[in-house]
C-alpha atoms as a PDB file:
ATOM      1  CA  MET A   1     -16.903  22.975 131.675  1.00  0.00           C
ATOM      2  CA  ALA A   2     -14.743  21.674 128.554  1.00  0.00           C
ATOM      3  CA  VAL A   3     -11.389  23.195 128.433  1.00  0.00           C
ATOM      4  CA  LYS A   4      -8.246  22.852 126.074  1.00  0.00           C
ATOM      5  CA  VAL A   5      -4.822  22.275 127.883  1.00  0.00           C
ATOM      6  CA  VAL A   6      -1.197  21.996 127.013  1.00  0.00           C
ATOM      7  CA  PRO A   7       1.071  19.962 128.478  1.00  0.00           C
ATOM      8  CA  VAL A   8       3.745  21.766 130.375  1.00  0.00           C
ATOM      9  CA  SER A   9       7.479  20.240 129.186  1.00  0.00           C
ATOM     10  CA  SER A  10      10.951  21.591 129.033  1.00  0.00           C
ATOM     11  CA  LYS A  11      12.430  22.355 125.887  1.00  0.00           C
ATOM     12  CA  PRO A  12      15.568  24.625 124.747  1.00  0.00           C
ATOM     13  CA  ILE A  13      15.194  28.020 124.877  1.00  0.00           C
ATOM     14  CA  THR A  14      17.112  30.833 123.570  1.00  0.00           C
ATOM     15  CA  ASP A  15      18.354  33.331 125.835  1.00  0.00           C
ATOM     16  CA  SER A  16      18.658  36.812 123.407  1.00  0.00           C
ATOM     17  CA  SER A  17      18.202  40.762 123.345  1.00  0.00           C
ATOM     18  CA  GLU A  18      16.853  43.452 121.059  1.00  0.00           C
ATOM     19  CA  TYR A  19      19.072  46.545 120.887  1.00  0.00           C
ATOM     20  CA  VAL A  20      18.817  49.161 118.340  1.00  0.00           C
ATOM     21  CA  SER A  21      21.857  49.116 115.584  1.00  0.00           C
ATOM     22  CA  THR A  22      23.009  51.318 112.838  1.00  0.00           C
ATOM     23  CA  LEU A  23      24.300  49.470 110.217  1.00  0.00           C
ATOM     24  CA  LYS A  24      27.709  51.174 108.449  1.00  0.00           C
ATOM     25  CA  SER A  25      29.529  49.709 105.263  1.00  0.00           C
ATOM     26  CA  ARG A  26      33.391  49.190 105.462  1.00  0.00           C
ATOM     27  CA  ASP A  27      33.715  50.002 101.462  1.00  0.00           C
ATOM     28  CA  SER A  28      31.462  53.533 101.338  1.00  0.00           C
ATOM     29  CA  ALA A  29      33.423  56.741 100.081  1.00  0.00           C
ATOM     30  CA  ASN A  30      32.637  60.409 100.478  1.00  0.00           C
ATOM     31  CA  ILE A  31      33.876  61.932  98.044  1.00  0.00           C
ATOM     32  CA  SER A  32      35.453  65.648  97.966  1.00  0.00           C
ATOM     33  CA  PRO A  33      37.311  67.470  95.722  1.00  0.00           C
ATOM     34  CA  GLN A  34      41.438  68.055  95.733  1.00  0.00           C
ATOM     35  CA  VAL A  35      40.863  71.199  94.533  1.00  0.00           C
ATOM     36  CA  GLU A  36      38.947  74.350  94.772  1.00  0.00           C
ATOM     37  CA  GLY A  37      37.014  75.660  92.173  1.00  0.00           C
ATOM     38  CA  THR A  38      33.364  75.673  89.763  1.00  0.00           C
ATOM     39  CA  ILE A  39      31.355  72.588  88.640  1.00  0.00           C
ATOM     40  CA  THR A  40      30.984  72.459  85.005  1.00  0.00           C
ATOM     41  CA  ARG A  41      29.846  69.310  84.440  1.00  0.00           C
ATOM     42  CA  ILE A  42      28.422  66.228  86.241  1.00  0.00           C
ATOM     43  CA  TYR A  43      28.239  62.730  84.854  1.00  0.00           C
ATOM     44  CA  VAL A  44      26.846  60.450  86.959  1.00  0.00           C
ATOM     45  CA  HIS A  45      23.333  60.566  88.358  1.00  0.00           C
ATOM     46  CA  SER A  46      22.445  59.321  92.476  1.00  0.00           C
ATOM     47  CA  GLY A  47      22.001  55.413  92.313  1.00  0.00           C
ATOM     48  CA  GLU A  48      23.827  54.932  89.130  1.00  0.00           C
ATOM     49  CA  ARG A  49      26.579  52.113  89.545  1.00  0.00           C
ATOM     50  CA  VAL A  50      30.450  53.127  88.696  1.00  0.00           C
ATOM     51  CA  SER A  51      33.569  51.122  87.921  1.00  0.00           C
ATOM     52  CA  ALA A  52      36.275  52.843  89.293  1.00  0.00           C
ATOM     53  CA  GLY A  53      38.149  54.898  87.771  1.00  0.00           C
ATOM     54  CA  ALA A  54      34.680  56.691  86.084  1.00  0.00           C
ATOM     55  CA  PRO A  55      34.614  60.482  85.843  1.00  0.00           C
ATOM     56  CA  LEU A  56      31.842  61.777  88.502  1.00  0.00           C
ATOM     57  CA  ILE A  57      32.015  65.742  88.629  1.00  0.00           C
ATOM     58  CA  GLN A  58      34.303  68.153  86.493  1.00  0.00           C
ATOM     59  CA  ILE A  59      35.596  70.977  87.967  1.00  0.00           C
ATOM     60  CA  ASP A  60      36.720  73.866  85.272  1.00  0.00           C
ATOM     61  CA  PRO A  61      40.162  73.460  84.144  1.00  0.00           C
ATOM     62  CA  LEU A  62      40.911  76.964  82.770  1.00  0.00           C
ATOM     63  CA  LYS A  63      42.759  78.265  84.731  1.00  0.00           C
ATOM     64  CA  GLN A  64      44.875  75.441  85.861  1.00  0.00           C
ATOM     65  CA  GLU A  65      45.055  74.548  81.786  1.00  0.00           C
ATOM     66  CA  ALA A  66      46.964  77.962  81.625  1.00  0.00           C
ATOM     67  CA  THR A  67      48.883  77.322  84.399  1.00  0.00           C
ATOM     68  CA  VAL A  68      50.335  73.939  82.724  1.00  0.00           C
ATOM     69  CA  ARG A  69      51.011  75.991  79.169  1.00  0.00           C
ATOM     70  CA  ASN A  70      52.704  78.585  80.865  1.00  0.00           C
ATOM     71  CA  GLN A  71      54.908  76.047  82.497  1.00  0.00           C
ATOM     72  CA  GLN A  72      55.043  74.188  79.228  1.00  0.00           C
ATOM     73  CA  ALA A  73      56.647  77.495  77.654  1.00  0.00           C
ATOM     74  CA  SER A  74      58.697  77.948  80.104  1.00  0.00           C
ATOM     75  CA  THR A  75      60.115  74.692  79.846  1.00  0.00           C
ATOM     76  CA  ALA A  76      60.289  74.875  76.694  1.00  0.00           C
ATOM     77  CA  ALA A  77      62.733  77.853  76.534  1.00  0.00           C
ATOM     78  CA  GLN A  78      65.255  76.484  78.893  1.00  0.00           C
ATOM     79  CA  GLU A  79      65.249  73.980  76.351  1.00  0.00           C
ATOM     80  CA  ALA A  80      66.524  76.159  74.186  1.00  0.00           C
ATOM     81  CA  ASN A  81      69.072  77.801  76.552  1.00  0.00           C
ATOM     82  CA  LEU A  82      70.163  74.594  77.691  1.00  0.00           C
ATOM     83  CA  LYS A  83      70.802  73.567  73.700  1.00  0.00           C
ATOM     84  CA  TRP A  84      72.890  76.841  73.525  1.00  0.00           C
ATOM     85  CA  ALA A  85      74.920  76.554  76.782  1.00  0.00           C
ATOM     86  CA  GLN A  86      75.923  72.967  75.726  1.00  0.00           C
ATOM     87  CA  GLN A  87      77.083  74.646  72.703  1.00  0.00           C
ATOM     88  CA  GLN A  88      78.669  77.145  73.776  1.00  0.00           C
ATOM     89  CA  TYR A  89      80.623  74.702  76.616  1.00  0.00           C
ATOM     90  CA  GLU A  90      81.715  71.873  73.245  1.00  0.00           C
ATOM     91  CA  ARG A  91      82.552  75.651  71.458  1.00  0.00           C
ATOM     92  CA  ASN A  92      85.498  76.594  74.603  1.00  0.00           C
ATOM     93  CA  ALA A  93      86.431  72.937  75.196  1.00  0.00           C
ATOM     94  CA  GLN A  94      87.503  72.884  71.683  1.00  0.00           C
ATOM     95  CA  LEU A  95      89.549  76.274  71.926  1.00  0.00           C
ATOM     96  CA  ALA A  96      90.686  75.772  75.406  1.00  0.00           C
ATOM     97  CA  ALA A  97      92.395  72.558  74.060  1.00  0.00           C
ATOM     98  CA  ALA A  98      94.070  74.638  70.979  1.00  0.00           C
ATOM     99  CA  GLY A  99      95.040  76.582  73.933  1.00  0.00           C
ATOM    100  CA  VAL A 100      93.230  79.880  72.500  1.00  0.00           C
ATOM    101  CA  VAL A 101      90.800  79.964  75.703  1.00  0.00           C
ATOM    102  CA  SER A 102      91.555  79.868  79.277  1.00  0.00           C
ATOM    103  CA  LYS A 103      90.726  76.981  81.699  1.00  0.00           C
ATOM    104  CA  GLN A 104      88.765  79.531  83.871  1.00  0.00           C
ATOM    105  CA  GLU A 105      86.939  80.382  80.492  1.00  0.00           C
ATOM    106  CA  LEU A 106      85.932  76.691  79.981  1.00  0.00           C
ATOM    107  CA  ASP A 107      84.827  75.947  83.720  1.00  0.00           C
ATOM    108  CA  GLN A 108      82.367  79.185  83.339  1.00  0.00           C
ATOM    109  CA  ALA A 109      80.814  77.401  79.951  1.00  0.00           C
ATOM    110  CA  ARG A 110      80.756  73.991  82.551  1.00  0.00           C
ATOM    111  CA  ALA A 111      79.107  75.957  85.948  1.00  0.00           C
ATOM    112  CA  ASN A 112      76.725  77.754  82.961  1.00  0.00           C
ATOM    113  CA  LEU A 113      75.713  74.616  81.146  1.00  0.00           C
ATOM    114  CA  ASP A 114      75.170  72.589  85.035  1.00  0.00           C
ATOM    115  CA  ALA A 115      73.112  75.825  85.729  1.00  0.00           C
ATOM    116  CA  ALA A 116      71.191  75.016  83.073  1.00  0.00           C
ATOM    117  CA  LYS A 117      70.383  71.618  83.556  1.00  0.00           C
ATOM    118  CA  ALA A 118      69.534  72.460  86.771  1.00  0.00           C
ATOM    119  CA  GLN A 119      66.845  74.913  85.908  1.00  0.00           C
ATOM    120  CA  LEU A 120      65.615  72.219  82.978  1.00  0.00           C
ATOM    121  CA  ALA A 121      64.792  69.865  85.573  1.00  0.00           C
ATOM    122  CA  ALA A 122      63.513  72.772  88.152  1.00  0.00           C
ATOM    123  CA  LEU A 123      60.975  73.366  85.602  1.00  0.00           C
ATOM    124  CA  GLN A 124      59.945  69.923  84.093  1.00  0.00           C
ATOM    125  CA  ALA A 125      59.127  68.944  87.563  1.00  0.00           C
ATOM    126  CA  GLY A 126      56.755  71.920  88.369  1.00  0.00           C
ATOM    127  CA  VAL A 127      55.035  71.113  84.543  1.00  0.00           C
ATOM    128  CA  ASN A 128      54.348  67.681  86.408  1.00  0.00           C
ATOM    129  CA  GLU A 129      53.274  68.953  89.461  1.00  0.00           C
ATOM    130  CA  GLN A 130      50.892  71.572  87.401  1.00  0.00           C
ATOM    131  CA  GLU A 131      49.866  68.512  85.388  1.00  0.00           C
ATOM    132  CA  THR A 132      49.138  66.228  87.977  1.00  0.00           C
ATOM    133  CA  GLN A 133      47.142  69.041  89.781  1.00  0.00           C
ATOM    134  CA  LEU A 134      45.300  69.167  86.256  1.00  0.00           C
ATOM    135  CA  HIS A 135      43.951  65.382  86.724  1.00  0.00           C
ATOM    136  CA  TYR A 136      42.108  66.482  90.201  1.00  0.00           C
ATOM    137  CA  TYR A 137      39.647  68.719  88.282  1.00  0.00           C
ATOM    138  CA  LYS A 138      38.004  65.228  87.569  1.00  0.00           C
ATOM    139  CA  VAL A 139      37.007  63.721  90.385  1.00  0.00           C
ATOM    140  CA  VAL A 140      36.585  60.035  89.251  1.00  0.00           C
ATOM    141  CA  ALA A 141      35.336  56.684  91.309  1.00  0.00           C
ATOM    142  CA  PRO A 142      38.004  55.608  93.820  1.00  0.00           C
ATOM    143  CA  MET A 143      36.077  51.758  93.375  1.00  0.00           C
ATOM    144  CA  SER A 144      33.312  50.010  91.688  1.00  0.00           C
ATOM    145  CA  GLY A 145      29.932  50.711  93.692  1.00  0.00           C
ATOM    146  CA  ILE A 146      26.726  52.860  93.317  1.00  0.00           C
ATOM    147  CA  VAL A 147      27.090  56.323  93.348  1.00  0.00           C
ATOM    148  CA  GLY A 148      25.198  58.217  96.954  1.00  0.00           C
ATOM    149  CA  ASP A 149      22.875  61.664  96.787  1.00  0.00           C
ATOM    150  CA  ILE A 150      25.175  64.500  95.056  1.00  0.00           C
ATOM    151  CA  PRO A 151      23.841  67.588  96.642  1.00  0.00           C
ATOM    152  CA  VAL A 152      26.172  69.917  94.328  1.00  0.00           C
ATOM    153  CA  HIS A 153      24.960  71.673  90.879  1.00  0.00           C
ATOM    154  CA  ILE A 154      26.865  72.469  88.246  1.00  0.00           C
ATOM    155  CA  GLY A 155      28.102  76.186  89.053  1.00  0.00           C
ATOM    156  CA  ASP A 156      28.396  75.785  92.265  1.00  0.00           C
ATOM    157  CA  ARG A 157      31.746  76.725  93.331  1.00  0.00           C
ATOM    158  CA  VAL A 158      33.491  73.946  95.536  1.00  0.00           C
ATOM    159  CA  THR A 159      36.184  73.932  98.343  1.00  0.00           C
ATOM    160  CA  THR A 160      38.349  70.913  99.309  1.00  0.00           C
ATOM    161  CA  SER A 161      36.115  70.272 102.361  1.00  0.00           C
ATOM    162  CA  THR A 162      32.750  70.113  99.969  1.00  0.00           C
ATOM    163  CA  LEU A 163      31.004  66.472  99.780  1.00  0.00           C
ATOM    164  CA  LEU A 164      30.435  65.697  96.322  1.00  0.00           C
ATOM    165  CA  THR A 165      28.507  62.662  96.855  1.00  0.00           C
ATOM    166  CA  THR A 166      29.461  59.608  97.986  1.00  0.00           C
ATOM    167  CA  VAL A 167      30.230  55.988  96.505  1.00  0.00           C
ATOM    168  CA  ASP A 168      29.190  52.674  98.283  1.00  0.00           C
ATOM    169  CA  LYS A 169      30.584  49.222  97.389  1.00  0.00           C
ATOM    170  CA  PRO A 170      27.864  46.585  97.556  1.00  0.00           C
ATOM    171  CA  GLY A 171      28.211  43.808  99.812  1.00  0.00           C
ATOM    172  CA  ASN A 172      28.353  43.229 103.643  1.00  0.00           C
ATOM    173  CA  LEU A 173      27.436  45.827 106.092  1.00  0.00           C
ATOM    174  CA  GLU A 174      28.510  45.914 109.746  1.00  0.00           C
ATOM    175  CA  ALA A 175      26.259  46.600 112.126  1.00  0.00           C
ATOM    176  CA  TYR A 176      27.511  48.890 115.394  1.00  0.00           C
ATOM    177  CA  VAL A 177      25.512  47.097 118.465  1.00  0.00           C
ATOM    178  CA  GLN A 178      26.121  48.887 122.124  1.00  0.00           C
ATOM    179  CA  VAL A 179      25.384  46.396 124.299  1.00  0.00           C
ATOM    180  CA  PRO A 180      24.801  46.991 128.236  1.00  0.00           C
ATOM    181  CA  VAL A 181      28.106  46.370 130.318  1.00  0.00           C
ATOM    182  CA  GLU A 182      25.865  43.805 132.457  1.00  0.00           C
ATOM    183  CA  ARG A 183      26.185  41.601 129.632  1.00  0.00           C
ATOM    184  CA  ALA A 184      29.830  42.041 129.159  1.00  0.00           C
ATOM    185  CA  ALA A 185      30.374  38.547 130.272  1.00  0.00           C
ATOM    186  CA  ASP A 186      28.485  36.765 128.042  1.00  0.00           C
ATOM    187  CA  LEU A 187      30.291  38.980 124.717  1.00  0.00           C
ATOM    188  CA  LYS A 188      31.698  36.446 122.363  1.00  0.00           C
ATOM    189  CA  ILE A 189      33.444  37.035 118.990  1.00  0.00           C
ATOM    190  CA  GLY A 190      31.108  34.796 117.071  1.00  0.00           C
ATOM    191  CA  LYS A 191      28.071  34.963 118.833  1.00  0.00           C
ATOM    192  CA  GLU A 192      24.726  35.269 116.201  1.00  0.00           C
ATOM    193  CA  VAL A 193      23.239  38.654 115.250  1.00  0.00           C
ATOM    194  CA  GLN A 194      20.351  38.786 113.637  1.00  0.00           C
ATOM    195  CA  VAL A 195      18.989  42.055 112.309  1.00  0.00           C
ATOM    196  CA  LEU A 196      15.010  42.390 111.705  1.00  0.00           C
ATOM    197  CA  ASP A 197      12.622  44.358 109.890  1.00  0.00           C
ATOM    198  CA  THR A 198       9.559  46.267 111.656  1.00  0.00           C
ATOM    199  CA  GLN A 199       7.533  43.649 112.092  1.00  0.00           C
ATOM    200  CA  GLY A 200      10.352  41.133 113.739  1.00  0.00           C
ATOM    201  CA  ASN A 201      11.163  39.121 110.914  1.00  0.00           C
ATOM    202  CA  THR A 202      14.720  38.049 110.961  1.00  0.00           C
ATOM    203  CA  ILE A 203      16.017  39.576 107.225  1.00  0.00           C
ATOM    204  CA  ALA A 204      20.330  39.010 107.944  1.00  0.00           C
ATOM    205  CA  ARG A 205      21.658  36.744 110.414  1.00  0.00           C
ATOM    206  CA  GLY A 206      25.814  37.653 111.038  1.00  0.00           C
ATOM    207  CA  LYS A 207      28.533  36.957 113.353  1.00  0.00           C
ATOM    208  CA  ILE A 208      30.205  39.293 116.087  1.00  0.00           C
ATOM    209  CA  THR A 209      33.458  40.066 114.818  1.00  0.00           C
ATOM    210  CA  PHE A 210      34.502  42.789 117.033  1.00  0.00           C
ATOM    211  CA  ILE A 211      34.104  43.565 120.773  1.00  0.00           C
ATOM    212  CA  SER A 212      35.637  47.345 122.204  1.00  0.00           C
ATOM    213  CA  PRO A 213      38.111  46.650 124.847  1.00  0.00           C
ATOM    214  CA  GLN A 214      36.627  49.750 126.755  1.00  0.00           C
ATOM    215  CA  VAL A 215      33.034  51.177 128.010  1.00  0.00           C
ATOM    216  CA  ASP A 216      31.251  54.402 127.136  1.00  0.00           C
ATOM    217  CA  SER A 217      31.764  56.589 129.686  1.00  0.00           C
ATOM    218  CA  GLN A 218      28.395  58.663 129.522  1.00  0.00           C
ATOM    219  CA  THR A 219      25.886  55.198 128.195  1.00  0.00           C
ATOM    220  CA  GLN A 220      27.885  52.328 130.040  1.00  0.00           C
ATOM    221  CA  THR A 221      28.181  50.151 127.339  1.00  0.00           C
ATOM    222  CA  ILE A 222      30.058  48.160 124.799  1.00  0.00           C
ATOM    223  CA  LEU A 223      30.411  48.434 120.771  1.00  0.00           C
ATOM    224  CA  ALA A 224      29.970  45.228 119.052  1.00  0.00           C
ATOM    225  CA  LYS A 225      30.173  44.850 115.803  1.00  0.00           C
ATOM    226  CA  ALA A 226      28.491  41.859 113.644  1.00  0.00           C
ATOM    227  CA  THR A 227      29.538  41.622 110.307  1.00  0.00           C
ATOM    228  CA  VAL A 228      25.868  41.210 107.800  1.00  0.00           C
ATOM    229  CA  PRO A 229      25.715  40.183 104.389  1.00  0.00           C
ATOM    230  CA  ASN A 230      23.658  42.201 101.977  1.00  0.00           C
ATOM    231  CA  ASP A 231      23.479  39.995  99.129  1.00  0.00           C
ATOM    232  CA  ASN A 232      19.768  41.054  98.706  1.00  0.00           C
ATOM    233  CA  GLY A 233      20.279  44.484  98.945  1.00  0.00           C
ATOM    234  CA  LEU A 234      17.427  45.250 101.995  1.00  0.00           C
ATOM    235  CA  LEU A 235      19.621  47.132 104.413  1.00  0.00           C
ATOM    236  CA  ARG A 236      21.402  50.487 103.559  1.00  0.00           C
ATOM    237  CA  THR A 237      24.280  52.062 104.592  1.00  0.00           C
ATOM    238  CA  ALA A 238      23.360  54.462 107.889  1.00  0.00           C
ATOM    239  CA  GLN A 239      19.866  52.635 108.347  1.00  0.00           C
ATOM    240  CA  VAL A 240      18.784  52.238 112.276  1.00  0.00           C
ATOM    241  CA  VAL A 241      17.485  48.396 112.674  1.00  0.00           C
ATOM    242  CA  HIS A 242      17.002  46.409 115.559  1.00  0.00           C
ATOM    243  CA  ALA A 243      19.477  43.599 116.384  1.00  0.00           C
ATOM    244  CA  ARG A 244      18.652  40.936 118.073  1.00  0.00           C
ATOM    245  CA  VAL A 245      22.269  38.982 119.601  1.00  0.00           C
ATOM    246  CA  GLN A 246      21.624  35.554 120.451  1.00  0.00           C
ATOM    247  CA  TRP A 247      23.642  34.934 124.092  1.00  0.00           C
ATOM    248  CA  GLY A 248      22.679  30.871 123.843  1.00  0.00           C
ATOM    249  CA  THR A 249      20.113  28.384 124.632  1.00  0.00           C
ATOM    250  CA  HIS A 250      18.766  26.668 127.788  1.00  0.00           C
ATOM    251  CA  PRO A 251      16.117  24.054 129.160  1.00  0.00           C
ATOM    252  CA  GLY A 252      13.175  26.499 129.406  1.00  0.00           C
ATOM    253  CA  ILE A 253       9.243  26.458 129.598  1.00  0.00           C
ATOM    254  CA  GLU A 254       6.802  28.299 126.966  1.00  0.00           C
ATOM    255  CA  ILE A 255       3.572  28.708 127.161  1.00  0.00           C
ATOM    256  CA  PRO A 256       1.179  30.450 124.667  1.00  0.00           C
ATOM    257  CA  VAL A 257       0.660  34.092 124.824  1.00  0.00           C
ATOM    258  CA  LEU A 258      -3.063  33.417 125.490  1.00  0.00           C
ATOM    259  CA  ALA A 259      -2.879  31.297 128.115  1.00  0.00           C
ATOM    260  CA  ALA A 260      -1.949  33.841 130.458  1.00  0.00           C
ATOM    261  CA  SER A 261      -3.945  36.761 131.876  1.00  0.00           C
ATOM    262  CA  ARG A 262      -2.442  40.204 133.829  1.00  0.00           C
ATOM    263  CA  ILE A 263      -3.844  41.271 136.455  1.00  0.00           C
ATOM    264  CA  GLY A 264      -2.095  44.310 138.639  1.00  0.00           C
ATOM    265  CA  GLY A 265       1.168  43.984 136.806  1.00  0.00           C
ATOM    266  CA  GLN A 266       1.163  40.194 137.724  1.00  0.00           C
ATOM    267  CA  PHE A 267       0.593  36.941 135.028  1.00  0.00           C
ATOM    268  CA  PHE A 268      -1.630  34.427 135.980  1.00  0.00           C
ATOM    269  CA  VAL A 269      -2.709  30.770 134.295  1.00  0.00           C
ATOM    270  CA  TYR A 270      -4.975  28.243 134.769  1.00  0.00           C
ATOM    271  CA  VAL A 271      -3.524  24.601 135.638  1.00  0.00           C
ATOM    272  CA  ALA A 272      -5.803  22.035 135.244  1.00  0.00           C
ATOM    273  CA  GLU A 273      -5.511  19.530 138.422  1.00  0.00           C
ATOM    274  CA  ASP A 274      -6.401  15.874 139.698  1.00  0.00           C
ATOM    275  CA  ASN A 275      -9.111  16.383 142.344  1.00  0.00           C
ATOM    276  CA  ASP A 276     -10.480  12.961 143.487  1.00  0.00           C
ATOM    277  CA  GLY A 277     -10.213  11.803 139.836  1.00  0.00           C
ATOM    278  CA  LYS A 278     -11.495  15.162 138.539  1.00  0.00           C
ATOM    279  CA  SER A 279      -9.979  17.571 137.161  1.00  0.00           C
ATOM    280  CA  VAL A 280     -10.203  21.481 138.621  1.00  0.00           C
ATOM    281  CA  ALA A 281      -9.138  24.283 137.364  1.00  0.00           C
ATOM    282  CA  HIS A 282      -6.484  26.481 139.753  1.00  0.00           C
ATOM    283  CA  GLN A 283      -5.353  29.603 139.152  1.00  0.00           C
ATOM    284  CA  ARG A 284      -1.674  30.153 139.617  1.00  0.00           C
ATOM    285  CA  GLN A 285       0.874  33.258 139.655  1.00  0.00           C
ATOM    286  CA  ILE A 286       3.573  32.941 137.018  1.00  0.00           C
ATOM    287  CA  LYS A 287       6.854  35.239 136.347  1.00  0.00           C
ATOM    288  CA  VAL A 288       7.377  35.331 132.547  1.00  0.00           C
ATOM    289  CA  GLY A 289      10.552  36.571 130.697  1.00  0.00           C
ATOM    290  CA  PRO A 290      10.887  38.037 126.647  1.00  0.00           C
ATOM    291  CA  LEU A 291       8.438  37.292 124.176  1.00  0.00           C
ATOM    292  CA  ASP A 292       9.539  34.240 122.471  1.00  0.00           C
ATOM    293  CA  GLY A 293       7.194  34.514 119.170  1.00  0.00           C
ATOM    294  CA  ASN A 294       3.783  33.924 120.396  1.00  0.00           C
ATOM    295  CA  ASN A 295       4.991  32.471 123.191  1.00  0.00           C
ATOM    296  CA  TYR A 296       5.839  33.751 126.941  1.00  0.00           C
ATOM    297  CA  ILE A 297       9.081  32.078 128.616  1.00  0.00           C
ATOM    298  CA  VAL A 298       8.049  31.491 132.027  1.00  0.00           C
ATOM    299  CA  THR A 299      10.684  31.863 134.334  1.00  0.00           C
ATOM    300  CA  GLU A 300       8.821  30.606 137.428  1.00  0.00           C
ATOM    301  CA  GLY A 301       5.447  29.209 138.596  1.00  0.00           C
ATOM    302  CA  LEU A 302       4.769  25.908 136.539  1.00  0.00           C
ATOM    303  CA  LYS A 303       6.688  23.115 136.225  1.00  0.00           C
ATOM    304  CA  PRO A 304       7.004  20.114 133.306  1.00  0.00           C
ATOM    305  CA  GLY A 305       4.002  17.796 133.662  1.00  0.00           C
ATOM    306  CA  ASP A 306       1.462  20.544 134.453  1.00  0.00           C
ATOM    307  CA  LYS A 307      -1.647  20.877 132.317  1.00  0.00           C
ATOM    308  CA  VAL A 308      -2.118  24.663 131.439  1.00  0.00           C
ATOM    309  CA  ILE A 309      -5.503  25.780 130.377  1.00  0.00           C
ATOM    310  CA  VAL A 310      -5.822  27.243 126.686  1.00  0.00           C
ATOM    311  CA  SER A 311      -9.146  28.068 126.259  1.00  0.00           C
ATOM    312  CA  ASP A 312     -11.911  29.808 127.960  1.00  0.00           C
ATOM    313  CA  THR A 313      -9.463  31.129 130.177  1.00  0.00           C
ATOM    314  CA  GLN A 314     -11.863  34.574 130.948  1.00  0.00           C
ATOM    315  CA  MET A 315     -14.715  32.450 132.249  1.00  0.00           C
ATOM    316  CA  LEU A 316     -13.334  30.266 134.988  1.00  0.00           C
ATOM    317  CA  ALA A 317     -13.154  30.634 138.276  1.00  0.00           C
ATOM    318  CA  ASP A 318     -10.272  29.321 140.968  1.00  0.00           C
ATOM    319  CA  GLY A 319     -11.706  25.858 141.539  1.00  0.00           C
ATOM    320  CA  MET A 320     -13.986  25.344 139.209  1.00  0.00           C
ATOM    321  CA  PRO A 321     -14.272  21.805 137.722  1.00  0.00           C
ATOM    322  CA  VAL A 322     -13.089  21.401 134.019  1.00  0.00           C
ATOM    323  CA  ASN A 323     -12.994  18.662 131.455  1.00  0.00           C
ATOM    324  CA  ALA A 324      -9.439  18.892 129.963  1.00  0.00           C
ATOM    325  CA  GLN A 325      -9.059  18.063 126.297  1.00  0.00           C
ATOM    326  CA  PRO A 326      -5.763  18.086 124.553  1.00  0.00           C
ATOM    327  CA  GLN A 327      -5.585  20.895 122.094  1.00  0.00           C
ATOM    328  CA  GLY A 328      -6.247  19.984 119.302  1.00  0.00           C
ATOM    329  CA  SER A 329      -8.441  16.722 119.526  1.00  0.00           C
END
């Protein structure tokens, strides 16, 4: 029976592990108001790009504007009082110099002037505080980025704990990977981490930049963070993905998946062996590791130089004579 064979050879095998990972952004801001009130205007839409300082949401400022005007009016009145106190002091100072009024009256005029100045300074500080508070009624973007979902509407009453929206700055993300404690010795800064799509294809690569010094007592895992570039915009903040951690390489053997048969939970292959100048198919039990694309990584059962049969294996029997030909010939 004619069969195709693949000679086994040792080659560098990449040692890797896949884990579920969550992507997070270092440049993501949750926007909440610093004051309470009713929303009167929303300036942006979800997904819109904004610059730092761009207005996002307006909270009704009428009450606060009235407070500012009232404070400004009080300040103006106190300025008039200060001007009068200044005139009184100057008048008493001239009369005291002429001996018309006593030093006590002059001291009283000076005290009134100082009190008027202090009260004006306090009112001016109050105006500045209320004007600063008024600015908070217009919520602005803290940085340039993309506006997220806006769960509030015009007319909603909001408090300082209400989430108005988010602003995410495009760029690098961080992959949060929980690695079992058994691999703690292999965790190193700079190890490559690959972010995979649903088909197992690599869509982004990064390096481990942080390893937690503590073990999670509940899951017995260690948190590792990898900085992942997102220049093509395929990834999103809070997205759950598969992350492959590349531990390193070691010499090993790979065989095509189709060459192996699974019987009773064990893996077997047929190997073409020379017997008195003829090729005979012999079934051999092997142990396999993780998949590497369309190949099994063989950990036991094969050695370099073995000829693994890769065609018509379902028609073979142990000890059957075969006509072994290299695959592709």
